[in-house]
Amino acid sequence: MRTTVALSAALAATLLAPPVAPADHVSSTLQVSARLGERLSDQSWTVIVDWSITCSGPAPGNANYSGNLNLDDVTTGEVRYMGGVSGASGSDRQPVDRRAQPRQVRPRLKASCFDGGTGNHGSGTTEVTGNVVTVPGRGDENGDGVRDSTSGASGGSP
């Protein structure tokens, strides 16, 4: 009888207790995209990068974010560090030097989120790349992909 009472009490406690969340109950989904901004000068254009991190698992207001944003040159492999991220979303502007030929750049976000509440559980770090944006080469002053003719130029090649 004593065993039955103890088992019944243990079963009742199990059914009434809140479920224990696994350590990996926090997950994140990343998004990043880029678009050509304005021409800054003869030597550079702005690329605008929009990014977001969706954090699932933490209670409202308890999500914290950590990561890094980069802009990668697709052709040369050059990486331009744009800064750290510590929020759910943002939009950043990055000047990009012009070269003789158009440049293709792509944003890359590497980030995670974690629950700032009890347990401090977090998602794994994930990485996502965005679309390719073409930065006009020198001589393409309006960004239409065509080298502009220079008025009054004589001889030589454009």
C-alpha atoms as a PDB file:
ATOM      1  CA  MET A   1       0.000   0.000   0.000  1.00  0.00           C
ATOM      2  CA  ARG A   2       2.820   2.344   0.896  1.00  0.00           C
ATOM      3  CA  THR A   3       4.425   1.678  -2.519  1.00  0.00           C
ATOM      4  CA  THR A   4       1.130   2.415  -4.288  1.00  0.00           C
ATOM      5  CA  VAL A   5       0.754   5.735  -2.460  1.00  0.00           C
ATOM      6  CA  ALA A   6       4.361   6.725  -3.265  1.00  0.00           C
ATOM      7  CA  LEU A   7       3.907   5.776  -6.927  1.00  0.00           C
ATOM      8  CA  SER A   8       0.623   7.670  -7.111  1.00  0.00           C
ATOM      9  CA  ALA A   9       2.255  10.755  -5.575  1.00  0.00           C
ATOM     10  CA  ALA A  10       5.189  10.552  -7.994  1.00  0.00           C
ATOM     11  CA  LEU A  11       2.840  10.161 -10.968  1.00  0.00           C
ATOM     12  CA  ALA A  12       0.711  13.119  -9.837  1.00  0.00           C
ATOM     13  CA  ALA A  13       3.802  15.281  -9.381  1.00  0.00           C
ATOM     14  CA  THR A  14       4.987  14.343 -12.871  1.00  0.00           C
ATOM     15  CA  LEU A  15       1.654  15.201 -14.454  1.00  0.00           C
ATOM     16  CA  LEU A  16       1.298  18.502 -12.572  1.00  0.00           C
ATOM     17  CA  ALA A  17       4.867  19.705 -13.087  1.00  0.00           C
ATOM     18  CA  PRO A  18       5.551  21.931 -16.086  1.00  0.00           C
ATOM     19  CA  PRO A  19       7.409  20.190 -18.881  1.00  0.00           C
ATOM     20  CA  VAL A  20      11.161  20.620 -18.888  1.00  0.00           C
ATOM     21  CA  ALA A  21      12.347  22.227 -22.098  1.00  0.00           C
ATOM     22  CA  PRO A  22      15.297  20.632 -23.834  1.00  0.00           C
ATOM     23  CA  ALA A  23      18.516  22.645 -23.961  1.00  0.00           C
ATOM     24  CA  ASP A  24      18.119  23.172 -27.688  1.00  0.00           C
ATOM     25  CA  HIS A  25      14.633  24.693 -27.584  1.00  0.00           C
ATOM     26  CA  VAL A  26      15.873  27.983 -29.038  1.00  0.00           C
ATOM     27  CA  SER A  27      16.286  28.231 -32.800  1.00  0.00           C
ATOM     28  CA  SER A  28      17.064  31.034 -35.201  1.00  0.00           C
ATOM     29  CA  THR A  29      16.294  31.795 -38.835  1.00  0.00           C
ATOM     30  CA  LEU A  30      18.473  34.343 -40.641  1.00  0.00           C
ATOM     31  CA  GLN A  31      17.748  36.489 -43.684  1.00  0.00           C
ATOM     32  CA  VAL A  32      20.008  38.951 -45.488  1.00  0.00           C
ATOM     33  CA  SER A  33      19.661  40.892 -48.731  1.00  0.00           C
ATOM     34  CA  ALA A  34      21.421  43.745 -50.499  1.00  0.00           C
ATOM     35  CA  ARG A  35      20.620  46.458 -52.995  1.00  0.00           C
ATOM     36  CA  LEU A  36      22.584  49.152 -54.764  1.00  0.00           C
ATOM     37  CA  GLY A  37      22.297  52.509 -53.038  1.00  0.00           C
ATOM     38  CA  GLU A  38      23.463  55.872 -54.301  1.00  0.00           C
ATOM     39  CA  ARG A  39      26.609  56.892 -56.116  1.00  0.00           C
ATOM     40  CA  LEU A  40      28.834  58.567 -53.529  1.00  0.00           C
ATOM     41  CA  SER A  41      31.573  59.829 -55.829  1.00  0.00           C
ATOM     42  CA  ASP A  42      33.590  58.968 -58.913  1.00  0.00           C
ATOM     43  CA  GLN A  43      35.268  56.344 -56.749  1.00  0.00           C
ATOM     44  CA  SER A  44      32.436  54.636 -54.807  1.00  0.00           C
ATOM     45  CA  TRP A  45      28.791  53.578 -54.514  1.00  0.00           C
ATOM     46  CA  THR A  46      26.787  52.586 -51.452  1.00  0.00           C
ATOM     47  CA  VAL A  47      25.448  49.053 -50.996  1.00  0.00           C
ATOM     48  CA  ILE A  48      22.512  48.790 -48.574  1.00  0.00           C
ATOM     49  CA  VAL A  49      22.262  45.540 -46.598  1.00  0.00           C
ATOM     50  CA  ASP A  50      19.045  44.560 -44.793  1.00  0.00           C
ATOM     51  CA  TRP A  51      19.110  41.675 -42.334  1.00  0.00           C
ATOM     52  CA  SER A  52      16.910  39.936 -39.802  1.00  0.00           C
ATOM     53  CA  ILE A  53      17.115  37.177 -37.214  1.00  0.00           C
ATOM     54  CA  THR A  54      13.940  35.367 -36.163  1.00  0.00           C
ATOM     55  CA  CYS A  55      14.438  33.790 -32.749  1.00  0.00           C
ATOM     56  CA  SER A  56      12.005  31.040 -31.734  1.00  0.00           C
ATOM     57  CA  GLY A  57      11.774  29.724 -28.198  1.00  0.00           C
ATOM     58  CA  PRO A  58      12.435  32.556 -25.750  1.00  0.00           C
ATOM     59  CA  ALA A  59       9.536  34.263 -24.004  1.00  0.00           C
ATOM     60  CA  PRO A  60       8.620  37.680 -25.465  1.00  0.00           C
ATOM     61  CA  GLY A  61      11.302  40.202 -24.565  1.00  0.00           C
ATOM     62  CA  ASN A  62      13.865  37.567 -23.553  1.00  0.00           C
ATOM     63  CA  ALA A  63      15.546  37.018 -26.931  1.00  0.00           C
ATOM     64  CA  ASN A  64      19.139  38.238 -27.289  1.00  0.00           C
ATOM     65  CA  TYR A  65      21.141  38.285 -30.515  1.00  0.00           C
ATOM     66  CA  SER A  66      24.778  38.014 -31.479  1.00  0.00           C
ATOM     67  CA  GLY A  67      26.517  37.898 -34.838  1.00  0.00           C
ATOM     68  CA  ASN A  68      28.552  39.520 -37.610  1.00  0.00           C
ATOM     69  CA  LEU A  69      27.702  41.058 -40.951  1.00  0.00           C
ATOM     70  CA  ASN A  70      30.067  40.968 -43.951  1.00  0.00           C
ATOM     71  CA  LEU A  71      30.032  42.014 -47.586  1.00  0.00           C
ATOM     72  CA  ASP A  72      31.926  39.570 -49.806  1.00  0.00           C
ATOM     73  CA  ASP A  73      33.359  40.292 -53.257  1.00  0.00           C
ATOM     74  CA  VAL A  74      32.224  37.326 -55.341  1.00  0.00           C
ATOM     75  CA  THR A  75      35.085  37.579 -57.858  1.00  0.00           C
ATOM     76  CA  THR A  76      38.108  38.314 -55.671  1.00  0.00           C
ATOM     77  CA  GLY A  77      37.006  36.731 -52.385  1.00  0.00           C
ATOM     78  CA  GLU A  78      37.687  39.970 -50.489  1.00  0.00           C
ATOM     79  CA  VAL A  79      35.676  40.235 -47.270  1.00  0.00           C
ATOM     80  CA  ARG A  80      34.555  43.595 -45.927  1.00  0.00           C
ATOM     81  CA  TYR A  81      33.510  43.423 -42.274  1.00  0.00           C
ATOM     82  CA  MET A  82      30.401  45.569 -41.759  1.00  0.00           C
ATOM     83  CA  GLY A  83      30.124  45.150 -38.006  1.00  0.00           C
ATOM     84  CA  GLY A  84      28.479  43.146 -35.285  1.00  0.00           C
ATOM     85  CA  VAL A  85      24.749  42.601 -34.856  1.00  0.00           C
ATOM     86  CA  SER A  86      22.990  42.590 -31.502  1.00  0.00           C
ATOM     87  CA  GLY A  87      19.339  43.027 -32.424  1.00  0.00           C
ATOM     88  CA  ALA A  88      16.579  41.283 -34.339  1.00  0.00           C
ATOM     89  CA  SER A  89      16.980  43.292 -37.547  1.00  0.00           C
ATOM     90  CA  GLY A  90      18.705  46.196 -39.172  1.00  0.00           C
ATOM     91  CA  SER A  91      19.765  48.002 -42.308  1.00  0.00           C
ATOM     92  CA  ASP A  92      23.367  49.046 -42.873  1.00  0.00           C
ATOM     93  CA  ARG A  93      25.056  51.067 -45.596  1.00  0.00           C
ATOM     94  CA  GLN A  94      28.506  50.151 -46.880  1.00  0.00           C
ATOM     95  CA  PRO A  95      30.591  52.246 -49.293  1.00  0.00           C
ATOM     96  CA  VAL A  96      32.171  50.076 -51.988  1.00  0.00           C
ATOM     97  CA  ASP A  97      35.113  51.242 -54.078  1.00  0.00           C
ATOM     98  CA  ARG A  98      34.609  51.267 -57.815  1.00  0.00           C
ATOM     99  CA  ARG A  99      37.025  49.508 -60.116  1.00  0.00           C
ATOM    100  CA  ALA A 100      37.562  49.498 -63.862  1.00  0.00           C
ATOM    101  CA  GLN A 101      35.126  46.591 -64.194  1.00  0.00           C
ATOM    102  CA  PRO A 102      31.817  46.188 -62.327  1.00  0.00           C
ATOM    103  CA  ARG A 103      32.108  44.436 -58.942  1.00  0.00           C
ATOM    104  CA  GLN A 104      29.756  41.761 -57.700  1.00  0.00           C
ATOM    105  CA  VAL A 105      29.261  41.722 -53.942  1.00  0.00           C
ATOM    106  CA  ARG A 106      27.063  39.596 -51.694  1.00  0.00           C
ATOM    107  CA  PRO A 107      26.062  40.080 -48.029  1.00  0.00           C
ATOM    108  CA  ARG A 108      26.722  37.368 -45.447  1.00  0.00           C
ATOM    109  CA  LEU A 109      25.254  37.144 -41.952  1.00  0.00           C
ATOM    110  CA  LYS A 110      26.566  34.749 -39.303  1.00  0.00           C
ATOM    111  CA  ALA A 111      24.527  34.894 -36.099  1.00  0.00           C
ATOM    112  CA  SER A 112      22.678  33.175 -33.284  1.00  0.00           C
ATOM    113  CA  CYS A 113      20.144  34.030 -30.618  1.00  0.00           C
ATOM    114  CA  PHE A 114      19.688  32.976 -27.029  1.00  0.00           C
ATOM    115  CA  ASP A 115      17.155  33.119 -24.246  1.00  0.00           C
ATOM    116  CA  GLY A 116      18.111  35.797 -21.729  1.00  0.00           C
ATOM    117  CA  GLY A 117      15.793  34.242 -19.153  1.00  0.00           C
ATOM    118  CA  THR A 118      16.305  31.227 -16.921  1.00  0.00           C
ATOM    119  CA  GLY A 119      18.611  28.659 -18.438  1.00  0.00           C
ATOM    120  CA  ASN A 120      20.178  30.992 -20.995  1.00  0.00           C
ATOM    121  CA  HIS A 121      19.690  28.409 -23.776  1.00  0.00           C
ATOM    122  CA  GLY A 122      20.747  29.380 -27.272  1.00  0.00           C
ATOM    123  CA  SER A 123      20.483  28.437 -30.887  1.00  0.00           C
ATOM    124  CA  GLY A 124      23.478  27.227 -32.800  1.00  0.00           C
ATOM    125  CA  THR A 125      25.365  29.755 -34.902  1.00  0.00           C
ATOM    126  CA  THR A 126      24.183  29.717 -38.500  1.00  0.00           C
ATOM    127  CA  GLU A 127      25.313  31.546 -41.609  1.00  0.00           C
ATOM    128  CA  VAL A 128      23.374  32.745 -44.613  1.00  0.00           C
ATOM    129  CA  THR A 129      24.391  34.592 -47.784  1.00  0.00           C
ATOM    130  CA  GLY A 130      22.189  36.959 -49.736  1.00  0.00           C
ATOM    131  CA  ASN A 131      21.734  38.024 -53.327  1.00  0.00           C
ATOM    132  CA  VAL A 132      24.491  39.366 -55.563  1.00  0.00           C
ATOM    133  CA  VAL A 133      24.574  43.124 -56.232  1.00  0.00           C
ATOM    134  CA  THR A 134      26.606  44.685 -59.032  1.00  0.00           C
ATOM    135  CA  VAL A 135      28.541  47.844 -58.183  1.00  0.00           C
ATOM    136  CA  PRO A 136      29.043  49.803 -61.434  1.00  0.00           C
ATOM    137  CA  GLY A 137      32.539  50.071 -62.823  1.00  0.00           C
ATOM    138  CA  ARG A 138      34.264  53.392 -63.356  1.00  0.00           C
ATOM    139  CA  GLY A 139      32.737  55.226 -66.286  1.00  0.00           C
ATOM    140  CA  ASP A 140      29.206  53.928 -65.612  1.00  0.00           C
ATOM    141  CA  GLU A 141      27.978  57.015 -63.802  1.00  0.00           C
ATOM    142  CA  ASN A 142      24.256  56.211 -63.661  1.00  0.00           C
ATOM    143  CA  GLY A 143      24.538  52.527 -62.715  1.00  0.00           C
ATOM    144  CA  ASP A 144      22.782  51.163 -65.794  1.00  0.00           C
ATOM    145  CA  GLY A 145      25.615  48.744 -66.614  1.00  0.00           C
ATOM    146  CA  VAL A 146      26.745  50.698 -69.673  1.00  0.00           C
ATOM    147  CA  ARG A 147      29.899  52.763 -69.737  1.00  0.00           C
ATOM    148  CA  ASP A 148      28.856  56.363 -70.343  1.00  0.00           C
ATOM    149  CA  SER A 149      30.365  58.332 -73.202  1.00  0.00           C
ATOM    150  CA  THR A 150      32.357  61.350 -72.157  1.00  0.00           C
ATOM    151  CA  SER A 151      31.467  64.511 -73.992  1.00  0.00           C
ATOM    152  CA  GLY A 152      34.372  66.325 -75.574  1.00  0.00           C
ATOM    153  CA  ALA A 153      36.710  63.344 -75.300  1.00  0.00           C
ATOM    154  CA  SER A 154      39.079  62.996 -78.188  1.00  0.00           C
ATOM    155  CA  GLY A 155      40.918  59.895 -79.226  1.00  0.00           C
ATOM    156  CA  GLY A 156      41.885  57.022 -77.011  1.00  0.00           C
ATOM    157  CA  SER A 157      39.627  54.280 -75.794  1.00  0.00           C
ATOM    158  CA  PRO A 158      36.887  54.831 -73.200  1.00  0.00           C
END
